[in-house]
Protein backbone atom coordinates (compact mmCIF):
# COMPACT_ATOMS: atom_id res chain seq x y z
CA MET A 1 26.42 -167.42 -174.11
CA SER A 2 24.48 -165.17 -176.98
CA LYS A 3 25.03 -166.31 -180.39
CA ALA A 4 26.54 -163.80 -182.96
CA THR A 5 24.35 -163.64 -186.35
CA VAL A 6 26.43 -163.25 -189.61
CA PHE A 7 24.65 -162.14 -192.68
CA SER A 8 26.57 -163.75 -195.41
CA ASP A 9 27.16 -162.42 -198.76
CA ILE A 10 24.45 -159.70 -199.13
CA THR A 11 23.85 -156.78 -200.68
CA ILE A 12 23.95 -153.89 -197.93
CA VAL A 13 22.47 -150.65 -198.52
CA THR A 14 22.84 -147.89 -195.95
CA SER A 15 22.95 -144.08 -195.67
CA ASN A 16 25.21 -141.98 -193.07
CA ASP A 17 25.56 -138.84 -191.36
CA ASP A 18 26.36 -136.87 -194.52
CA ALA A 19 23.24 -138.09 -196.24
CA CYS A 20 25.22 -140.00 -198.57
CA VAL A 21 23.79 -143.54 -199.39
CA SER A 22 25.96 -146.47 -200.51
CA VAL A 23 25.80 -149.92 -201.77
CA MET A 24 27.99 -153.05 -200.84
CA GLU A 25 27.81 -155.92 -202.66
CA HIS A 26 28.78 -159.40 -201.62
CA ALA A 27 29.16 -158.16 -198.28
CA TYR A 28 29.29 -159.55 -194.80
CA CYS A 29 27.66 -158.41 -191.41
CA VAL A 30 28.00 -159.52 -187.64
CA VAL A 31 25.72 -158.76 -185.13
CA TYR A 32 26.10 -159.86 -181.47
CA GLU A 33 23.72 -159.07 -178.77
CA ASP A 34 22.23 -155.44 -179.61
CA LYS A 35 24.93 -153.95 -182.06
CA ILE A 36 26.37 -154.20 -185.25
CA ARG A 37 30.28 -155.91 -184.84
CA TYR A 38 31.32 -155.95 -188.30
CA VAL A 39 30.40 -154.77 -191.90
CA GLY A 40 32.69 -155.70 -194.92
CA LEU A 41 33.40 -157.39 -197.75
CA SER A 42 35.36 -160.72 -196.04
CA LYS A 43 33.57 -163.81 -195.53
CA GLU A 44 37.11 -165.10 -193.46
CA GLU A 45 36.94 -161.71 -191.11
CA ALA A 46 33.08 -161.87 -190.53
CA LEU A 47 33.43 -165.43 -189.42
CA GLU A 48 36.29 -164.65 -187.31
CA LYS A 49 34.50 -162.13 -185.56
CA ALA A 50 31.70 -163.85 -184.99
CA GLY A 51 33.48 -167.01 -183.93
CA LEU A 52 35.47 -164.44 -181.26
CA LEU A 53 32.12 -163.12 -180.15
CA SER A 54 30.42 -166.43 -179.27
CA ASP A 55 32.74 -169.21 -179.99
CA ASP A 56 31.45 -171.85 -182.15
CA ASP A 57 27.57 -170.92 -181.73
CA VAL A 58 27.28 -168.62 -184.81
CA SER A 59 23.90 -168.24 -186.78
CA VAL A 60 24.36 -167.67 -190.64
CA TYR A 61 21.56 -165.89 -192.53
CA GLU A 62 22.23 -166.52 -196.46
CA GLY A 63 21.91 -163.34 -198.42
CA LYS A 64 21.91 -164.22 -202.09
CA ASN A 65 19.38 -162.04 -203.52
CA LYS A 66 18.40 -159.86 -200.46
CA ILE A 67 19.29 -156.68 -199.32
CA LEU A 68 20.19 -155.73 -195.96
CA CYS A 69 19.27 -152.13 -194.97
CA PRO A 70 18.64 -149.94 -191.86
CA THR A 71 14.84 -150.38 -190.72
CA PHE A 72 12.53 -147.31 -191.05
CA ALA A 73 11.58 -144.82 -188.45
CA ASN A 74 8.06 -143.41 -188.71
CA ALA A 75 8.40 -140.07 -187.41
CA HIS A 76 4.72 -139.26 -187.19
CA ALA A 77 2.35 -141.79 -186.06
CA HIS A 78 -1.01 -142.44 -183.99
CA THR A 79 -0.82 -145.93 -183.45
CA PRO A 80 -3.90 -147.07 -181.96
CA MET A 81 -6.12 -145.44 -184.43
CA SER A 82 -5.55 -148.72 -186.43
CA ILE A 83 -8.63 -149.77 -184.78
CA PHE A 84 -10.64 -146.83 -186.52
CA ARG A 85 -9.22 -147.85 -190.04
CA ASN A 86 -11.44 -147.54 -193.12
CA ILE A 87 -14.36 -146.56 -190.88
CA ALA A 88 -14.19 -142.38 -191.31
CA ASP A 89 -12.57 -141.85 -194.89
CA ASP A 90 -13.49 -138.88 -197.41
CA PHE A 91 -13.80 -136.19 -195.14
CA SER A 92 -12.06 -132.86 -195.13
CA LEU A 93 -9.69 -132.72 -191.69
CA GLN A 94 -12.17 -130.70 -189.21
CA ASP A 95 -15.04 -133.06 -190.06
CA TRP A 96 -12.90 -136.15 -189.73
CA LEU A 97 -11.30 -135.13 -186.85
CA PHE A 98 -14.08 -133.55 -184.93
CA GLY A 99 -17.00 -135.29 -186.33
CA GLU A 100 -15.61 -138.99 -186.48
CA ILE A 101 -12.69 -139.46 -184.66
CA ILE A 102 -12.99 -137.62 -181.31
CA PRO A 103 -16.36 -139.09 -180.42
CA ARG A 104 -14.96 -142.56 -181.06
CA GLU A 105 -11.98 -141.63 -178.96
CA ASP A 106 -13.98 -140.47 -176.33
CA ARG A 107 -15.56 -144.20 -176.04
CA MET A 108 -12.26 -146.07 -176.04
CA ILE A 109 -11.22 -148.27 -172.81
CA THR A 110 -7.80 -149.36 -171.96
CA ASP A 111 -7.20 -152.49 -173.93
CA ASP A 112 -8.28 -150.56 -177.14
CA PHE A 113 -5.10 -148.44 -176.38
CA THR A 114 -2.81 -151.76 -176.17
CA TYR A 115 -4.37 -153.84 -179.11
CA GLY A 116 -4.39 -150.93 -181.39
CA HIS A 117 -1.05 -150.22 -180.67
CA LEU A 118 -0.17 -153.88 -181.26
CA LEU A 119 -1.94 -154.07 -184.58
CA THR A 120 0.07 -150.87 -185.86
CA LEU A 121 3.09 -152.48 -184.85
CA ALA A 122 2.35 -155.69 -186.36
CA GLU A 123 1.76 -153.93 -189.80
CA MET A 124 5.13 -151.50 -188.97
CA ILE A 125 7.35 -154.64 -188.46
CA GLU A 126 6.32 -156.53 -191.48
CA GLY A 127 6.72 -153.38 -193.76
CA GLY A 128 10.33 -152.94 -192.42
CA THR A 129 9.68 -150.09 -189.66
CA ALA A 130 11.22 -150.81 -186.38
CA CYS A 131 10.66 -146.81 -184.60
CA ALA A 132 7.95 -144.67 -184.69
CA ALA A 133 7.27 -141.13 -183.16
CA ASN A 134 3.72 -142.11 -181.60
CA MET A 135 1.60 -139.02 -180.60
CA TYR A 136 -1.53 -140.43 -178.68
CA ASP A 137 -2.94 -140.89 -175.35
CA GLY A 138 -2.90 -144.24 -173.51
CA ALA A 139 1.28 -143.72 -173.03
CA ASN A 140 1.32 -146.12 -170.34
CA GLN A 141 -0.31 -149.32 -172.08
CA ILE A 142 1.75 -148.25 -175.33
CA THR A 143 4.86 -148.16 -173.38
CA LEU A 144 4.49 -151.59 -171.79
CA ALA A 145 3.26 -153.31 -175.27
CA SER A 146 6.22 -151.96 -177.21
CA ALA A 147 8.69 -152.93 -174.42
CA GLU A 148 7.25 -156.69 -174.79
CA ALA A 149 7.24 -156.36 -178.72
CA GLY A 150 10.69 -155.09 -178.68
CA PHE A 151 9.57 -151.97 -180.67
CA ARG A 152 11.33 -148.67 -180.86
CA LEU A 153 9.43 -145.78 -179.63
CA GLN A 154 9.05 -141.86 -179.04
CA GLN A 155 5.76 -141.50 -177.00
CA THR A 156 3.88 -138.66 -175.99
CA ALA A 157 3.24 -138.12 -172.08
CA MET A 158 -0.14 -135.98 -172.04
CA GLY A 159 1.24 -133.50 -169.54
CA LYS A 160 -2.11 -131.89 -169.05
CA THR A 161 -5.24 -132.04 -167.30
CA CYS A 162 -8.56 -130.36 -168.31
CA LYS A 163 -11.41 -129.53 -165.21
CA ASP A 164 -14.63 -127.50 -166.25
CA GLY A 165 -13.03 -126.38 -169.42
CA VAL A 166 -9.73 -125.03 -167.83
CA TRP A 167 -6.25 -126.46 -169.01
CA SER A 168 -3.72 -126.68 -166.83
CA ALA A 169 0.07 -128.21 -166.86
CA ASP A 170 0.38 -131.69 -164.86
CA SER A 171 4.10 -132.19 -163.95
CA LYS A 172 3.31 -135.61 -162.14
CA ASN A 173 1.83 -137.11 -165.10
CA VAL A 174 5.12 -136.12 -167.19
CA GLU A 175 7.37 -137.39 -163.88
CA ASP A 176 5.45 -140.65 -163.87
CA PHE A 177 5.75 -141.31 -167.41
CA ILE A 178 9.55 -140.84 -167.57
CA ALA A 179 9.93 -143.11 -164.43
CA LEU A 180 7.82 -145.82 -166.16
CA CYS A 181 10.06 -145.31 -169.50
CA ASN A 182 13.33 -145.86 -167.50
CA GLU A 183 11.90 -148.71 -165.42
CA GLN A 184 9.82 -150.67 -167.88
CA GLY A 185 10.61 -149.43 -170.97
CA LYS A 186 13.79 -151.88 -171.61
CA GLY A 187 15.72 -148.93 -173.22
CA LEU A 188 13.26 -148.67 -176.14
CA VAL A 189 10.71 -146.47 -175.45
CA LYS A 190 12.04 -142.56 -174.74
CA PRO A 191 9.17 -139.88 -173.50
CA SER A 192 7.79 -136.79 -175.52
CA LEU A 193 5.33 -133.94 -174.99
CA LEU A 194 1.75 -134.09 -176.34
CA VAL A 195 1.21 -130.36 -177.80
CA HIS A 196 -1.10 -131.44 -180.58
CA SER A 197 -1.54 -128.45 -182.52
CA VAL A 198 -2.25 -124.25 -182.06
CA TYR A 199 -6.13 -124.89 -182.34
CA LEU A 200 -6.48 -127.49 -179.51
CA TYR A 201 -6.11 -125.35 -176.57
CA PRO A 202 -6.37 -121.88 -175.27
CA GLY A 203 -3.68 -119.48 -176.38
CA SER A 204 -2.46 -118.57 -172.77
CA PHE A 205 -1.56 -122.42 -172.15
CA TYR A 206 1.15 -122.70 -174.71
CA ALA A 207 3.57 -121.13 -172.47
CA GLU A 208 2.95 -123.34 -169.85
CA LEU A 209 3.69 -126.47 -171.90
CA SER A 210 6.77 -125.17 -173.13
CA GLU A 211 7.91 -124.47 -169.69
CA LEU A 212 7.00 -128.10 -169.00
CA ALA A 213 9.00 -129.54 -171.59
CA LYS A 214 12.33 -127.58 -170.55
CA LYS A 215 11.86 -128.64 -166.95
CA TYR A 216 12.09 -132.17 -167.86
CA ASP A 217 14.14 -131.75 -171.19
CA ILE A 218 11.71 -133.57 -173.34
CA PRO A 219 11.08 -133.31 -177.02
CA VAL A 220 7.82 -131.77 -178.25
CA SER A 221 5.33 -133.52 -180.89
CA VAL A 222 2.95 -131.23 -182.48
CA HIS A 223 1.03 -130.81 -185.94
CA ILE A 224 1.84 -127.48 -187.71
CA SER A 225 0.20 -126.08 -190.46
CA GLU A 226 -1.64 -128.98 -191.97
CA THR A 227 -4.46 -126.97 -193.25
CA ILE A 228 -5.45 -123.68 -194.72
CA LYS A 229 -8.08 -123.39 -192.35
CA GLU A 230 -5.39 -123.96 -189.69
CA ASN A 231 -3.07 -120.93 -190.66
CA GLU A 232 -6.48 -118.74 -191.22
CA ASP A 233 -7.24 -119.50 -187.92
CA CYS A 234 -4.00 -118.71 -186.23
CA MET A 235 -3.71 -115.58 -188.14
CA SER A 236 -7.27 -114.31 -187.01
CA SER A 237 -6.71 -115.00 -183.50
CA TYR A 238 -3.04 -114.24 -182.91
CA GLY A 239 -1.88 -112.66 -186.02
CA CYS A 240 0.86 -115.04 -186.77
CA THR A 241 1.21 -118.51 -188.30
CA PRO A 242 1.22 -121.63 -186.37
CA VAL A 243 5.01 -121.78 -187.00
CA GLU A 244 5.57 -117.70 -185.51
CA TYR A 245 2.88 -118.66 -182.52
CA LEU A 246 4.66 -121.84 -181.28
CA ASP A 247 8.11 -119.98 -181.55
CA ARG A 248 7.10 -117.16 -179.48
CA ALA A 249 5.89 -119.62 -177.05
CA GLY A 250 9.02 -121.35 -176.96
CA LEU A 251 8.26 -124.57 -178.38
CA LEU A 252 10.52 -125.08 -181.38
CA SER A 253 14.05 -126.73 -180.67
CA ASP A 254 16.26 -128.98 -181.95
CA THR A 255 14.04 -131.74 -180.62
CA THR A 256 10.55 -130.91 -181.78
CA VAL A 257 9.04 -133.24 -184.14
CA ALA A 258 6.52 -130.78 -186.33
CA ALA A 259 4.27 -132.93 -188.44
CA HIS A 260 2.94 -132.18 -191.58
CA CYS A 261 3.77 -128.19 -192.31
CA VAL A 262 1.79 -128.10 -195.34
CA HIS A 263 1.59 -124.49 -195.78
CA LEU A 264 4.47 -122.68 -194.58
CA THR A 265 5.75 -119.22 -195.48
CA GLU A 266 9.48 -118.40 -196.29
CA ASN A 267 9.47 -117.13 -192.48
CA ASP A 268 8.17 -120.10 -191.19
CA MET A 269 10.82 -122.16 -193.02
CA ARG A 270 13.52 -119.70 -191.57
CA ILE A 271 12.42 -120.30 -188.37
CA LEU A 272 12.33 -124.00 -188.59
CA ALA A 273 15.73 -124.27 -189.99
CA GLU A 274 17.18 -121.96 -187.36
CA ARG A 275 15.53 -123.90 -184.54
CA LYS A 276 16.74 -127.06 -186.18
CA SER A 277 13.29 -128.32 -185.49
CA TRP A 278 12.35 -131.52 -187.48
CA VAL A 279 9.67 -131.88 -190.04
CA ALA A 280 7.89 -135.12 -190.48
CA HIS A 281 6.61 -135.36 -194.04
CA ASN A 282 2.90 -137.25 -194.18
CA ALA A 283 2.58 -137.38 -197.91
CA SER A 284 -0.46 -139.91 -197.71
CA SER A 285 -2.37 -138.37 -195.50
CA ASN A 286 -1.82 -134.95 -196.41
CA MET A 287 -3.50 -135.87 -199.75
CA LYS A 288 -5.95 -138.44 -198.54
CA LEU A 289 -7.48 -135.23 -196.45
CA ALA A 290 -6.90 -133.01 -199.15
CA SER A 291 -4.64 -130.87 -196.93
CA GLY A 292 -2.22 -130.17 -199.94
CA PHE A 293 0.90 -130.52 -200.87
CA ALA A 294 4.12 -129.87 -198.61
CA ASP A 295 6.95 -127.53 -200.17
CA MET A 296 9.70 -130.44 -199.57
CA VAL A 297 11.85 -129.15 -201.72
CA GLY A 298 11.78 -125.71 -200.66
CA MET A 299 12.10 -126.85 -197.10
CA GLN A 300 15.45 -129.22 -198.20
CA LYS A 301 16.75 -125.88 -199.90
CA ALA A 302 16.04 -123.69 -196.35
CA GLY A 303 17.96 -126.33 -194.53
CA ILE A 304 15.41 -128.01 -192.50
CA ARG A 305 15.72 -131.23 -191.08
CA LEU A 306 13.54 -133.56 -192.73
CA CYS A 307 11.81 -137.08 -191.96
CA LEU A 308 8.79 -139.18 -192.91
CA GLY A 309 5.95 -140.20 -191.59
CA THR A 310 2.81 -142.11 -192.36
CA ASP A 311 0.25 -140.48 -189.82
CA GLY A 312 -2.60 -142.65 -188.49
CA ALA A 313 -4.18 -145.66 -190.23
CA SER A 314 -7.63 -143.71 -190.06
CA SER A 315 -6.27 -140.96 -192.22
CA ASN A 316 -4.07 -142.89 -194.31
CA ASN A 317 -5.14 -146.10 -194.06
CA ASN A 318 -1.96 -147.99 -193.98
CA GLN A 319 1.54 -147.70 -192.19
CA ASP A 320 3.91 -148.24 -195.10
CA MET A 321 6.77 -146.36 -195.22
CA PHE A 322 8.11 -147.63 -199.01
CA MET A 323 4.63 -146.05 -200.03
CA GLU A 324 5.76 -142.75 -198.20
CA MET A 325 9.04 -142.76 -199.57
CA ARG A 326 7.78 -143.03 -203.32
CA LEU A 327 5.05 -140.58 -202.84
CA ALA A 328 7.61 -138.03 -201.21
CA SER A 329 9.87 -138.17 -203.97
CA PHE A 330 6.96 -138.16 -206.60
CA MET A 331 5.28 -135.44 -205.23
CA ALA A 332 8.47 -133.15 -204.93
CA LYS A 333 9.13 -134.02 -208.91
CA GLY A 334 5.57 -133.18 -209.76
CA LYS A 335 4.88 -129.83 -207.60
CA THR A 336 8.16 -128.57 -209.04
CA TYR A 337 8.10 -130.12 -212.68
CA ASP A 338 11.80 -131.13 -212.05
CA PRO A 339 12.48 -134.75 -212.01
CA THR A 340 15.92 -134.35 -210.39
CA VAL A 341 14.80 -133.06 -207.02
CA MET A 342 13.98 -135.61 -203.64
CA LYS A 343 15.92 -138.15 -205.14
CA ALA A 344 15.40 -141.93 -203.97
CA SER A 345 18.84 -141.47 -201.93
CA ASP A 346 17.32 -138.22 -200.03
CA VAL A 347 14.00 -139.78 -199.22
CA PHE A 348 15.76 -143.34 -198.19
CA HIS A 349 18.12 -140.95 -195.23
CA MET A 350 14.76 -139.46 -194.48
CA ALA A 351 12.89 -142.74 -193.56
CA THR A 352 15.87 -144.32 -191.78
CA ARG A 353 18.53 -142.02 -190.63
CA ASN A 354 16.70 -139.04 -190.18
CA GLY A 355 13.44 -140.57 -188.67
CA TYR A 356 15.53 -142.20 -185.87
CA LEU A 357 17.42 -138.87 -184.74
CA ALA A 358 13.85 -137.17 -184.75
CA CYS A 359 12.88 -140.15 -182.69
CA GLY A 360 15.81 -139.37 -180.22
CA PHE A 361 17.70 -142.63 -180.92
CA GLU A 362 21.42 -141.54 -182.08
CA ASP A 363 22.99 -144.84 -182.44
CA CYS A 364 20.61 -146.02 -185.09
CA GLY A 365 19.52 -146.15 -188.70
CA ILE A 366 22.64 -146.54 -190.16
CA ILE A 367 24.59 -150.32 -191.09
CA GLU A 368 27.89 -149.50 -189.11
CA GLU A 369 30.05 -151.40 -186.92
CA GLY A 370 29.07 -150.11 -183.35
CA MET A 371 25.71 -148.94 -184.28
CA LYS A 372 22.49 -150.67 -182.70
CA ALA A 373 21.28 -153.71 -184.86
CA ASP A 374 18.07 -152.28 -186.26
CA ILE A 375 18.10 -154.26 -189.57
CA GLN A 376 15.60 -155.24 -192.27
CA ILE A 377 16.09 -158.17 -195.09
CA ILE A 378 14.72 -157.45 -198.25
CA ASP A 379 14.22 -160.39 -200.63
CA TYR A 380 14.28 -158.91 -204.24
CA ASP A 381 13.69 -162.59 -205.99
CA CYS A 382 10.21 -161.51 -206.79
CA PRO A 383 8.66 -160.13 -210.11
CA GLN A 384 8.15 -156.57 -208.20
CA MET A 385 11.79 -156.13 -207.55
CA TRP A 386 13.36 -158.18 -210.41
CA PRO A 387 16.06 -157.46 -212.36
CA LEU A 388 17.19 -155.43 -209.32
CA GLY A 389 19.11 -152.77 -211.09
CA ASN A 390 20.18 -149.72 -208.53
CA PRO A 391 19.19 -151.25 -205.23
CA ILE A 392 18.70 -147.78 -203.91
CA SER A 393 15.89 -146.99 -206.83
CA ALA A 394 14.59 -150.38 -206.03
CA LEU A 395 13.94 -150.03 -202.46
CA VAL A 396 12.10 -146.62 -202.84
CA TYR A 397 10.63 -147.00 -206.39
CA SER A 398 9.69 -150.64 -206.46
CA CYS A 399 9.79 -152.49 -202.95
CA GLY A 400 6.73 -152.85 -200.88
CA PRO A 401 6.08 -154.52 -197.30
CA LYS A 402 5.32 -158.09 -198.77
CA CYS A 403 9.21 -157.85 -199.95
CA VAL A 404 10.43 -157.74 -196.15
CA GLU A 405 11.65 -160.91 -195.24
CA SER A 406 13.13 -160.43 -191.71
CA VAL A 407 12.95 -157.54 -189.13
CA MET A 408 15.53 -157.20 -186.47
CA ILE A 409 15.16 -154.43 -183.53
CA ASN A 410 18.07 -154.21 -181.03
CA GLY A 411 19.94 -157.64 -182.02
CA LYS A 412 16.93 -159.60 -181.83
CA PHE A 413 14.45 -160.76 -184.54
CA VAL A 414 11.05 -159.59 -184.32
CA LEU A 415 10.40 -161.13 -187.77
CA TYR A 416 11.92 -163.68 -188.77
CA LYS A 417 11.37 -164.87 -192.70
CA HIS A 418 7.73 -163.44 -192.63
CA ASP A 419 6.77 -164.89 -189.02
CA LEU A 420 6.06 -162.15 -186.49
CA MET A 421 8.34 -163.50 -183.51
CA THR A 422 6.91 -161.37 -181.05
CA ILE A 423 3.21 -160.11 -181.19
CA ASP A 424 0.20 -162.90 -181.13
CA PHE A 425 -1.31 -161.69 -184.08
CA GLU A 426 -4.15 -163.94 -183.35
CA LYS A 427 -4.89 -162.62 -180.23
CA VAL A 428 -4.59 -158.98 -181.87
CA ARG A 429 -7.17 -159.77 -184.14
CA PHE A 430 -9.71 -161.13 -182.16
CA GLU A 431 -9.19 -157.86 -179.51
CA THR A 432 -9.10 -155.40 -182.44
CA LYS A 433 -12.22 -156.88 -183.80
CA LYS A 434 -14.12 -156.45 -180.97
CA THR A 435 -13.16 -153.01 -180.39
CA MET A 436 -14.39 -151.94 -183.98
CA GLU A 437 -17.70 -153.72 -183.67
CA ARG A 438 -18.10 -151.47 -180.34
CA LEU A 439 -16.68 -148.16 -181.95
CA LYS A 440 -17.82 -148.27 -185.93
């Protein structure tokens, strides 16, 4: 019989579907199999619930000076790009992508996708992230590696081929990938369609991609208005903004994850709000590539659904969602000269519940009975977090990955008291070192 876990006398911080973040001190949480079975203030009720679920076989996790909260969902990542960390810095986006990254990507082999992905998962897990929307090739290898590591993922299918410079939709690729997710994804991997951007494919091809996404009822993953150049080129080619163009092609819906959205018009915001598309804000990457400062407050006021992402480890150069929360809040305050906007509770909700919803996992991201047990334990008995003060503020403005003590995904510990449980990091280190030496 499975063992129930009781998190005892712990501070619980969680958002809810109304974006209200609450704090429950001296609380108890019971996890059994893949779900949260109890959340409350009664030790007796928690132990009774755990005992009924698993007889006398109960594990108690002591919660003194610890916070239990939802894990993060990184809504925009390129996970294998960790193999390009710190080798293509201080470039503009166009020079970085076309001059430095794509030539290296063209030389990647199968193992590069697997071990680059696992390297990123190790970093994410140690930083409290349990889910990501990943836009990258190598979908099959990445899916199998994610399932083995016990990590949640929305992974893009290519869904296209290019022969002699001519692009065409590839239905079989999408069908095969959906089948792989269903058969070997262990319920942790969901498919999406890689659209990338308005500048990578010929204009006539976007309608085909839209039909492909609708045919298989899968989300779309796309970069939108990341740079001024992207907008200017789109206006020159199509007479409209990237948002307007993608909307005309039918690629904006309530499952679309639109990354960046740095340079939006008021009409762009209206369209994204009406389509209920998700916007993944990538604060660190936007600043590092000098793409600009997204108007998060304007998007929030327009009613756009917002989440956070790290982008790839070549343009960030880490996968730290604590940093993304902090920067998202600080950037919004600095841009508007208003310290009351983009509160700690706002960005915490974006990094947790909204991120999971954007990735397609509706039963995650909240500490509540019946939800999936995706949980992180923060140890605040350290100089960085002490004294705790407001736990919500502490998580957003003070905390960092080194404070993450344990991580549970789908009811299983993938990090237990700072030890990775599902990833052989020494093997990953060895393989990615070989890769970097070959591709640098």
